[in-house]
PDB file of N, CA and C in Angstrom:
ATOM      1  N   UNK A   1       0.817  -1.179   0.000  1.00  0.00           N
ATOM      2  CA  UNK A   1       0.000   0.000   0.000  1.00  0.00           C
ATOM      3  C   UNK A   1       0.875   1.262   0.000  1.00  0.00           C
ATOM      4  N   UNK A   2       1.908   1.273   0.832  1.00  0.00           N
ATOM      5  CA  UNK A   2       2.778   2.444   0.889  1.00  0.00           C
ATOM      6  C   UNK A   2       3.571   2.618  -0.403  1.00  0.00           C
ATOM      7  N   UNK A   3       3.904   1.509  -1.056  1.00  0.00           N
ATOM      8  CA  UNK A   3       4.603   1.599  -2.337  1.00  0.00           C
ATOM      9  C   UNK A   3       3.701   2.277  -3.364  1.00  0.00           C
ATOM     10  N   UNK A   4       2.438   1.933  -3.384  1.00  0.00           N
ATOM     11  CA  UNK A   4       1.493   2.557  -4.302  1.00  0.00           C
ATOM     12  C   UNK A   4       1.309   4.033  -4.012  1.00  0.00           C
ATOM     13  N   UNK A   5       1.250   4.391  -2.735  1.00  0.00           N
ATOM     14  CA  UNK A   5       1.139   5.806  -2.367  1.00  0.00           C
ATOM     15  C   UNK A   5       2.391   6.577  -2.764  1.00  0.00           C
ATOM     16  N   UNK A   6       3.555   5.974  -2.557  1.00  0.00           N
ATOM     17  CA  UNK A   6       4.811   6.632  -2.927  1.00  0.00           C
ATOM     18  C   UNK A   6       4.888   6.825  -4.437  1.00  0.00           C
ATOM     19  N   UNK A   7       4.467   5.824  -5.201  1.00  0.00           N
ATOM     20  CA  UNK A   7       4.440   5.955  -6.652  1.00  0.00           C
ATOM     21  C   UNK A   7       3.519   7.086  -7.087  1.00  0.00           C
ATOM     22  N   UNK A   8       2.342   7.139  -6.507  1.00  0.00           N
ATOM     23  CA  UNK A   8       1.390   8.193  -6.861  1.00  0.00           C
ATOM     24  C   UNK A   8       1.929   9.568  -6.516  1.00  0.00           C
ATOM     25  N   UNK A   9       2.581   9.690  -5.375  1.00  0.00           N
ATOM     26  CA  UNK A   9       3.137  10.979  -4.976  1.00  0.00           C
ATOM     27  C   UNK A   9       4.232  11.425  -5.932  1.00  0.00           C
ATOM     28  N   UNK A  10       5.079  10.508  -6.356  1.00  0.00           N
ATOM     29  CA  UNK A  10       6.149  10.862  -7.284  1.00  0.00           C
ATOM     30  C   UNK A  10       5.568  11.234  -8.650  1.00  0.00           C
ATOM     31  N   UNK A  11       4.586  10.497  -9.106  1.00  0.00           N
ATOM     32  CA  UNK A  11       4.014  10.745 -10.432  1.00  0.00           C
ATOM     33  C   UNK A  11       3.215  12.043 -10.462  1.00  0.00           C
ATOM     34  N   UNK A  12       2.336  12.247  -9.476  1.00  0.00           N
ATOM     35  CA  UNK A  12       1.418  13.382  -9.511  1.00  0.00           C
ATOM     36  C   UNK A  12       1.894  14.602  -8.730  1.00  0.00           C
ATOM     37  N   UNK A  13       2.851  14.434  -7.830  1.00  0.00           N
ATOM     38  CA  UNK A  13       3.357  15.573  -7.071  1.00  0.00           C
ATOM     39  C   UNK A  13       2.591  15.858  -5.802  1.00  0.00           C
ATOM     40  N   UNK A  14       1.328  15.456  -5.735  1.00  0.00           N
ATOM     41  CA  UNK A  14       0.544  15.600  -4.512  1.00  0.00           C
ATOM     42  C   UNK A  14      -0.624  14.642  -4.570  1.00  0.00           C
ATOM     43  N   UNK A  15      -0.982  14.099  -3.403  1.00  0.00           N
ATOM     44  CA  UNK A  15      -2.095  13.160  -3.330  1.00  0.00           C
ATOM     45  C   UNK A  15      -2.937  13.455  -2.100  1.00  0.00           C
ATOM     46  N   UNK A  16      -4.200  13.084  -2.178  1.00  0.00           N
ATOM     47  CA  UNK A  16      -5.119  13.231  -1.055  1.00  0.00           C
ATOM     48  C   UNK A  16      -5.340  11.846  -0.462  1.00  0.00           C
ATOM     49  N   UNK A  17      -5.078  11.726   0.842  1.00  0.00           N
ATOM     50  CA  UNK A  17      -5.197  10.441   1.521  1.00  0.00           C
ATOM     51  C   UNK A  17      -5.560  10.699   2.975  1.00  0.00           C
ATOM     52  N   UNK A  18      -5.664   9.647   3.761  1.00  0.00           N
ATOM     53  CA  UNK A  18      -5.955   9.836   5.179  1.00  0.00           C
ATOM     54  C   UNK A  18      -4.713  10.400   5.874  1.00  0.00           C
ATOM     55  N   UNK A  19      -4.938  11.058   6.967  1.00  0.00           N
ATOM     56  CA  UNK A  19      -3.840  11.705   7.697  1.00  0.00           C
ATOM     57  C   UNK A  19      -2.821  10.677   8.194  1.00  0.00           C
ATOM     58  N   UNK A  20      -3.289   9.541   8.660  1.00  0.00           N
ATOM     59  CA  UNK A  20      -2.388   8.507   9.166  1.00  0.00           C
ATOM     60  C   UNK A  20      -1.495   7.962   8.057  1.00  0.00           C
ATOM     61  N   UNK A  21      -2.061   7.738   6.870  1.00  0.00           N
ATOM     62  CA  UNK A  21      -1.265   7.242   5.750  1.00  0.00           C
ATOM     63  C   UNK A  21      -0.246   8.282   5.310  1.00  0.00           C
ATOM     64  N   UNK A  22      -0.640   9.547   5.314  1.00  0.00           N
ATOM     65  CA  UNK A  22       0.281  10.617   4.923  1.00  0.00           C
ATOM     66  C   UNK A  22       1.453  10.710   5.889  1.00  0.00           C
ATOM     67  N   UNK A  23       1.181  10.586   7.178  1.00  0.00           N
ATOM     68  CA  UNK A  23       2.250  10.648   8.172  1.00  0.00           C
ATOM     69  C   UNK A  23       3.179   9.445   8.063  1.00  0.00           C
ATOM     70  N   UNK A  24       2.644   8.303   7.673  1.00  0.00           N
ATOM     71  CA  UNK A  24       3.452   7.100   7.511  1.00  0.00           C
ATOM     72  C   UNK A  24       4.270   7.164   6.220  1.00  0.00           C
ATOM     73  N   UNK A  25       3.744   7.827   5.206  1.00  0.00           N
ATOM     74  CA  UNK A  25       4.402   7.913   3.902  1.00  0.00           C
ATOM     75  C   UNK A  25       5.549   8.913   3.885  1.00  0.00           C
ATOM     76  N   UNK A  26       5.451   9.952   4.665  1.00  0.00           N
ATOM     77  CA  UNK A  26       6.435  11.043   4.648  1.00  0.00           C
ATOM     78  C   UNK A  26       7.881  10.574   4.811  1.00  0.00           C
ATOM     79  N   UNK A  27       8.246   9.808   5.851  1.00  0.00           N
ATOM     80  CA  UNK A  27       9.656   9.411   5.985  1.00  0.00           C
ATOM     81  C   UNK A  27      10.138   8.507   4.851  1.00  0.00           C
ATOM     82  N   UNK A  28       9.262   7.703   4.295  1.00  0.00           N
ATOM     83  CA  UNK A  28       9.648   6.813   3.203  1.00  0.00           C
ATOM     84  C   UNK A  28      10.037   7.621   1.975  1.00  0.00           C
ATOM     85  N   UNK A  29       9.198   8.585   1.615  1.00  0.00           N
ATOM     86  CA  UNK A  29       9.455   9.399   0.427  1.00  0.00           C
ATOM     87  C   UNK A  29      10.678  10.292   0.634  1.00  0.00           C
ATOM     88  N   UNK A  30      10.826  10.825   1.827  1.00  0.00           N
ATOM     89  CA  UNK A  30      11.967  11.702   2.079  1.00  0.00           C
ATOM     90  C   UNK A  30      13.287  10.937   1.980  1.00  0.00           C
ATOM     91  N   UNK A  31      13.315   9.693   2.419  1.00  0.00           N
ATOM     92  CA  UNK A  31      14.524   8.879   2.286  1.00  0.00           C
ATOM     93  C   UNK A  31      14.824   8.575   0.821  1.00  0.00           C
ATOM     94  N   UNK A  32      13.773   8.357   0.026  1.00  0.00           N
ATOM     95  CA  UNK A  32      13.981   8.103  -1.396  1.00  0.00           C
ATOM     96  C   UNK A  32      14.538   9.336  -2.103  1.00  0.00           C
ATOM     97  N   UNK A  33      14.045  10.513  -1.751  1.00  0.00           N
ATOM     98  CA  UNK A  33      14.546  11.754  -2.353  1.00  0.00           C
ATOM     99  C   UNK A  33      16.010  11.965  -1.959  1.00  0.00           C
ATOM    100  N   UNK A  34      16.343  11.692  -0.711  1.00  0.00           N
ATOM    101  CA  UNK A  34      17.721  11.835  -0.251  1.00  0.00           C
ATOM    102  C   UNK A  34      18.639  10.877  -1.007  1.00  0.00           C
ATOM    103  N   UNK A  35      18.195   9.651  -1.236  1.00  0.00           N
ATOM    104  CA  UNK A  35      18.980   8.695  -2.018  1.00  0.00           C
ATOM    105  C   UNK A  35      19.147   9.182  -3.447  1.00  0.00           C
ATOM    106  N   UNK A  36      18.116   9.800  -4.001  1.00  0.00           N
ATOM    107  CA  UNK A  36      18.164  10.281  -5.375  1.00  0.00           C
ATOM    108  C   UNK A  36      19.121  11.435  -5.582  1.00  0.00           C
ATOM    109  N   UNK A  37      19.486  12.127  -4.521  1.00  0.00           N
ATOM    110  CA  UNK A  37      20.410  13.253  -4.630  1.00  0.00           C
ATOM    111  C   UNK A  37      21.786  12.811  -5.119  1.00  0.00           C
ATOM    112  N   UNK A  38      22.236  11.625  -4.700  1.00  0.00           N
ATOM    113  CA  UNK A  38      23.582  11.188  -5.072  1.00  0.00           C
ATOM    114  C   UNK A  38      23.660  10.750  -6.533  1.00  0.00           C
ATOM    115  N   UNK A  39      22.592  10.191  -7.087  1.00  0.00           N
ATOM    116  CA  UNK A  39      22.497   9.784  -8.496  1.00  0.00           C
ATOM    117  C   UNK A  39      23.604   8.808  -8.915  1.00  0.00           C
ATOM    118  N   UNK A  40      24.036   7.954  -8.011  1.00  0.00           N
ATOM    119  CA  UNK A  40      24.999   6.912  -8.357  1.00  0.00           C
ATOM    120  C   UNK A  40      24.253   5.690  -8.882  1.00  0.00           C
ATOM    121  N   UNK A  41      24.987   4.745  -9.396  1.00  0.00           N
ATOM    122  CA  UNK A  41      24.382   3.517  -9.905  1.00  0.00           C
ATOM    123  C   UNK A  41      23.683   2.754  -8.779  1.00  0.00           C
ATOM    124  N   UNK A  42      24.301   2.726  -7.613  1.00  0.00           N
ATOM    125  CA  UNK A  42      23.716   2.019  -6.469  1.00  0.00           C
ATOM    126  C   UNK A  42      22.397   2.665  -6.040  1.00  0.00           C
ATOM    127  N   UNK A  43      22.361   3.994  -6.025  1.00  0.00           N
ATOM    128  CA  UNK A  43      21.118   4.663  -5.623  1.00  0.00           C
ATOM    129  C   UNK A  43      20.031   4.479  -6.678  1.00  0.00           C
ATOM    130  N   UNK A  44      20.418   4.456  -7.953  1.00  0.00           N
ATOM    131  CA  UNK A  44      19.435   4.191  -9.022  1.00  0.00           C
ATOM    132  C   UNK A  44      18.829   2.800  -8.854  1.00  0.00           C
ATOM    133  N   UNK A  45      19.669   1.827  -8.560  1.00  0.00           N
ATOM    134  CA  UNK A  45      19.179   0.456  -8.403  1.00  0.00           C
ATOM    135  C   UNK A  45      18.296   0.324  -7.165  1.00  0.00           C
ATOM    136  N   UNK A  46      18.656   1.011  -6.090  1.00  0.00           N
ATOM    137  CA  UNK A  46      17.845   0.967  -4.887  1.00  0.00           C
ATOM    138  C   UNK A  46      16.471   1.590  -5.149  1.00  0.00           C
ATOM    139  N   UNK A  47      16.447   2.741  -5.812  1.00  0.00           N
ATOM    140  CA  UNK A  47      15.178   3.400  -6.127  1.00  0.00           C
ATOM    141  C   UNK A  47      14.327   2.540  -7.056  1.00  0.00           C
ATOM    142  N   UNK A  48      14.953   1.908  -8.023  1.00  0.00           N
ATOM    143  CA  UNK A  48      14.216   1.048  -8.943  1.00  0.00           C
ATOM    144  C   UNK A  48      13.632  -0.159  -8.219  1.00  0.00           C
ATOM    145  N   UNK A  49      14.360  -0.683  -7.242  1.00  0.00           N
ATOM    146  CA  UNK A  49      13.836  -1.827  -6.490  1.00  0.00           C
ATOM    147  C   UNK A  49      12.678  -1.416  -5.587  1.00  0.00           C
ATOM    148  N   UNK A  50      12.706  -0.195  -5.073  1.00  0.00           N
ATOM    149  CA  UNK A  50      11.638   0.268  -4.192  1.00  0.00           C
ATOM    150  C   UNK A  50      10.406   0.745  -4.961  1.00  0.00           C
ATOM    151  N   UNK A  51      10.615   1.393  -6.104  1.00  0.00           N
ATOM    152  CA  UNK A  51       9.503   1.927  -6.886  1.00  0.00           C
ATOM    153  C   UNK A  51       9.475   1.216  -8.240  1.00  0.00           C
ATOM    154  N   UNK A  52       9.668   1.938  -9.314  1.00  0.00           N
ATOM    155  CA  UNK A  52       9.827   1.329 -10.633  1.00  0.00           C
ATOM    156  C   UNK A  52      10.769   2.187 -11.461  1.00  0.00           C
ATOM    157  N   UNK A  53      11.034   1.751 -12.671  1.00  0.00           N
ATOM    158  CA  UNK A  53      12.046   2.401 -13.513  1.00  0.00           C
ATOM    159  C   UNK A  53      11.713   3.867 -13.797  1.00  0.00           C
ATOM    160  N   UNK A  54      10.478   4.138 -14.208  1.00  0.00           N
ATOM    161  CA  UNK A  54      10.126   5.509 -14.604  1.00  0.00           C
ATOM    162  C   UNK A  54      10.087   6.469 -13.425  1.00  0.00           C
ATOM    163  N   UNK A  55       9.561   6.011 -12.301  1.00  0.00           N
ATOM    164  CA  UNK A  55       9.485   6.911 -11.144  1.00  0.00           C
ATOM    165  C   UNK A  55      10.867   7.140 -10.526  1.00  0.00           C
ATOM    166  N   UNK A  56      11.732   6.127 -10.552  1.00  0.00           N
ATOM    167  CA  UNK A  56      13.087   6.345 -10.034  1.00  0.00           C
ATOM    168  C   UNK A  56      13.845   7.314 -10.932  1.00  0.00           C
ATOM    169  N   UNK A  57      13.620   7.227 -12.228  1.00  0.00           N
ATOM    170  CA  UNK A  57      14.240   8.166 -13.163  1.00  0.00           C
ATOM    171  C   UNK A  57      13.730   9.583 -12.909  1.00  0.00           C
ATOM    172  N   UNK A  58      12.442   9.717 -12.623  1.00  0.00           N
ATOM    173  CA  UNK A  58      11.859  11.035 -12.343  1.00  0.00           C
ATOM    174  C   UNK A  58      12.430  11.619 -11.058  1.00  0.00           C
ATOM    175  N   UNK A  59      12.611  10.780 -10.038  1.00  0.00           N
ATOM    176  CA  UNK A  59      13.189  11.260  -8.783  1.00  0.00           C
ATOM    177  C   UNK A  59      14.602  11.783  -9.017  1.00  0.00           C
ATOM    178  N   UNK A  60      15.417  11.008  -9.729  1.00  0.00           N
ATOM    179  CA  UNK A  60      16.817  11.379  -9.914  1.00  0.00           C
ATOM    180  C   UNK A  60      16.975  12.590 -10.830  1.00  0.00           C
ATOM    181  N   UNK A  61      16.171  12.669 -11.893  1.00  0.00           N
ATOM    182  CA  UNK A  61      16.364  13.726 -12.885  1.00  0.00           C
ATOM    183  C   UNK A  61      15.607  15.014 -12.603  1.00  0.00           C
ATOM    184  N   UNK A  62      14.429  14.948 -11.977  1.00  0.00           N
ATOM    185  CA  UNK A  62      13.649  16.176 -11.805  1.00  0.00           C
ATOM    186  C   UNK A  62      13.412  16.578 -10.359  1.00  0.00           C
ATOM    187  N   UNK A  63      13.095  15.622  -9.494  1.00  0.00           N
ATOM    188  CA  UNK A  63      12.707  15.984  -8.128  1.00  0.00           C
ATOM    189  C   UNK A  63      13.916  16.276  -7.246  1.00  0.00           C
ATOM    190  N   UNK A  64      14.887  15.366  -7.208  1.00  0.00           N
ATOM    191  CA  UNK A  64      16.054  15.545  -6.338  1.00  0.00           C
ATOM    192  C   UNK A  64      16.889  16.791  -6.643  1.00  0.00           C
ATOM    193  N   UNK A  65      17.110  17.161  -7.908  1.00  0.00           N
ATOM    194  CA  UNK A  65      17.889  18.384  -8.157  1.00  0.00           C
ATOM    195  C   UNK A  65      17.260  19.656  -7.587  1.00  0.00           C
ATOM    196  N   UNK A  66      15.936  19.677  -7.445  1.00  0.00           N
ATOM    197  CA  UNK A  66      15.282  20.850  -6.850  1.00  0.00           C
ATOM    198  C   UNK A  66      15.655  21.019  -5.385  1.00  0.00           C
ATOM    199  N   UNK A  67      15.985  19.918  -4.717  1.00  0.00           N
ATOM    200  CA  UNK A  67      16.272  19.947  -3.288  1.00  0.00           C
ATOM    201  C   UNK A  67      17.750  19.729  -2.996  1.00  0.00           C
ATOM    202  N   UNK A  68      18.619  20.037  -3.941  1.00  0.00           N
ATOM    203  CA  UNK A  68      20.054  19.789  -3.787  1.00  0.00           C
ATOM    204  C   UNK A  68      20.644  20.513  -2.572  1.00  0.00           C
ATOM    205  N   UNK A  69      20.224  21.733  -2.326  1.00  0.00           N
ATOM    206  CA  UNK A  69      20.769  22.522  -1.218  1.00  0.00           C
ATOM    207  C   UNK A  69      19.929  22.423   0.051  1.00  0.00           C
ATOM    208  N   UNK A  70      18.911  21.586   0.050  1.00  0.00           N
ATOM    209  CA  UNK A  70      18.021  21.462   1.199  1.00  0.00           C
ATOM    210  C   UNK A  70      18.403  20.221   1.999  1.00  0.00           C
ATOM    211  N   UNK A  71      18.455  20.356   3.324  1.00  0.00           N
ATOM    212  CA  UNK A  71      18.887  19.248   4.177  1.00  0.00           C
ATOM    213  C   UNK A  71      17.789  18.226   4.444  1.00  0.00           C
ATOM    214  N   UNK A  72      16.548  18.587   4.278  1.00  0.00           N
ATOM    215  CA  UNK A  72      15.434  17.676   4.529  1.00  0.00           C
ATOM    216  C   UNK A  72      14.135  18.434   4.447  1.00  0.00           C
ATOM    217  N   UNK A  73      13.037  17.783   4.761  1.00  0.00           N
ATOM    218  CA  UNK A  73      11.744  18.440   4.736  1.00  0.00           C
ATOM    219  C   UNK A  73      11.268  18.697   3.322  1.00  0.00           C
ATOM    220  N   UNK A  74      11.230  17.642   2.502  1.00  0.00           N
ATOM    221  CA  UNK A  74      10.854  17.796   1.104  1.00  0.00           C
ATOM    222  C   UNK A  74       9.347  17.718   0.901  1.00  0.00           C
ATOM    223  N   UNK A  75       8.617  17.238   1.899  1.00  0.00           N
ATOM    224  CA  UNK A  75       7.171  17.088   1.754  1.00  0.00           C
ATOM    225  C   UNK A  75       6.434  17.936   2.782  1.00  0.00           C
ATOM    226  N   UNK A  76       5.194  18.205   2.465  1.00  0.00           N
ATOM    227  CA  UNK A  76       4.320  18.997   3.340  1.00  0.00           C
ATOM    228  C   UNK A  76       3.009  18.240   3.477  1.00  0.00           C
ATOM    229  N   UNK A  77       2.474  18.207   4.690  1.00  0.00           N
ATOM    230  CA  UNK A  77       1.167  17.593   4.940  1.00  0.00           C
ATOM    231  C   UNK A  77       0.205  18.697   5.338  1.00  0.00           C
ATOM    232  N   UNK A  78      -0.865  18.842   4.561  1.00  0.00           N
ATOM    233  CA  UNK A  78      -1.896  19.843   4.828  1.00  0.00           C
ATOM    234  C   UNK A  78      -3.152  19.105   5.270  1.00  0.00           C
ATOM    235  N   UNK A  79      -3.637  19.440   6.443  1.00  0.00           N
ATOM    236  CA  UNK A  79      -4.816  18.758   6.967  1.00  0.00           C
ATOM    237  C   UNK A  79      -6.079  19.284   6.302  1.00  0.00           C
ATOM    238  N   UNK A  80      -7.017  18.363   6.059  1.00  0.00           N
ATOM    239  CA  UNK A  80      -8.303  18.679   5.442  1.00  0.00           C
ATOM    240  C   UNK A  80      -9.423  18.308   6.410  1.00  0.00           C
ATOM    241  N   UNK A  81     -10.655  18.719   6.114  1.00  0.00           N
ATOM    242  CA  UNK A  81     -11.781  18.294   6.965  1.00  0.00           C
ATOM    243  C   UNK A  81     -11.961  16.775   6.929  1.00  0.00           C
ATOM    244  N   UNK A  82     -12.638  16.282   7.942  1.00  0.00           N
ATOM    245  CA  UNK A  82     -12.864  14.837   8.040  1.00  0.00           C
ATOM    246  C   UNK A  82     -13.735  14.337   6.891  1.00  0.00           C
ATOM    247  N   UNK A  83     -13.528  13.071   6.519  1.00  0.00           N
ATOM    248  CA  UNK A  83     -14.315  12.438   5.464  1.00  0.00           C
ATOM    249  C   UNK A  83     -15.726  12.197   5.984  1.00  0.00           C
ATOM    250  N   UNK A  84     -16.732  12.471   5.160  1.00  0.00           N
ATOM    251  CA  UNK A  84     -18.121  12.361   5.613  1.00  0.00           C
ATOM    252  C   UNK A  84     -18.540  10.924   5.902  1.00  0.00           C
ATOM    253  N   UNK A  85     -18.070   9.971   5.102  1.00  0.00           N
ATOM    254  CA  UNK A  85     -18.561   8.603   5.228  1.00  0.00           C
ATOM    255  C   UNK A  85     -18.192   7.954   6.556  1.00  0.00           C
ATOM    256  N   UNK A  86     -16.939   8.078   6.983  1.00  0.00           N
ATOM    257  CA  UNK A  86     -16.520   7.411   8.211  1.00  0.00           C
ATOM    258  C   UNK A  86     -15.849   8.334   9.221  1.00  0.00           C
ATOM    259  N   UNK A  87     -15.736   9.608   8.898  1.00  0.00           N
ATOM    260  CA  UNK A  87     -15.156  10.577   9.836  1.00  0.00           C
ATOM    261  C   UNK A  87     -13.657  10.509   9.957  1.00  0.00           C
ATOM    262  N   UNK A  88     -13.003   9.872   8.991  1.00  0.00           N
ATOM    263  CA  UNK A  88     -11.556   9.749   9.044  1.00  0.00           C
ATOM    264  C   UNK A  88     -10.899  11.092   8.703  1.00  0.00           C
ATOM    265  N   UNK A  89      -9.883  11.490   9.485  1.00  0.00           N
ATOM    266  CA  UNK A  89      -9.188  12.750   9.169  1.00  0.00           C
ATOM    267  C   UNK A  89      -8.410  12.620   7.859  1.00  0.00           C
ATOM    268  N   UNK A  90      -8.565  13.581   6.980  1.00  0.00           N
ATOM    269  CA  UNK A  90      -7.950  13.548   5.656  1.00  0.00           C
ATOM    270  C   UNK A  90      -6.815  14.569   5.578  1.00  0.00           C
ATOM    271  N   UNK A  91      -5.919  14.360   4.617  1.00  0.00           N
ATOM    272  CA  UNK A  91      -4.787  15.263   4.433  1.00  0.00           C
ATOM    273  C   UNK A  91      -4.300  15.195   2.993  1.00  0.00           C
ATOM    274  N   UNK A  92      -3.596  16.234   2.582  1.00  0.00           N
ATOM    275  CA  UNK A  92      -2.915  16.259   1.306  1.00  0.00           C
ATOM    276  C   UNK A  92      -1.424  16.231   1.598  1.00  0.00           C
ATOM    277  N   UNK A  93      -0.713  15.322   0.955  1.00  0.00           N
ATOM    278  CA  UNK A  93       0.748  15.306   1.076  1.00  0.00           C
ATOM    279  C   UNK A  93       1.298  15.720  -0.282  1.00  0.00           C
ATOM    280  N   UNK A  94       2.250  16.670  -0.252  1.00  0.00           N
ATOM    281  CA  UNK A  94       2.779  17.214  -1.489  1.00  0.00           C
ATOM    282  C   UNK A  94       4.243  17.585  -1.294  1.00  0.00           C
ATOM    283  N   UNK A  95       4.939  17.773  -2.415  1.00  0.00           N
ATOM    284  CA  UNK A  95       6.322  18.245  -2.355  1.00  0.00           C
ATOM    285  C   UNK A  95       6.327  19.736  -2.118  1.00  0.00           C
ATOM    286  N   UNK A  96       7.323  20.207  -1.354  1.00  0.00           N
ATOM    287  CA  UNK A  96       7.430  21.633  -1.032  1.00  0.00           C
ATOM    288  C   UNK A  96       7.940  22.376  -2.242  1.00  0.00           C
TER     289      UNK A  96
END
């Protein structure tokens, strides 16, 4: 489930999900972006094993260079009103 959320976040740049899932996804995505900064063969292979070929290429070529001078905090979680059906707290997770 988290792999699918991470893929969606990389592809679309922001996703709407429950607050708990967003909080769980944040450290995973931030570690992937940090790995993508080095752009070595080992980091490419690690990203490809965690996600897929196209999304790892997108992380290394477009997303990571934007955060080259940033030490961390690549994502933002914005809280939304609760979902009507079950009252679950919702949030948007996006890249800063």
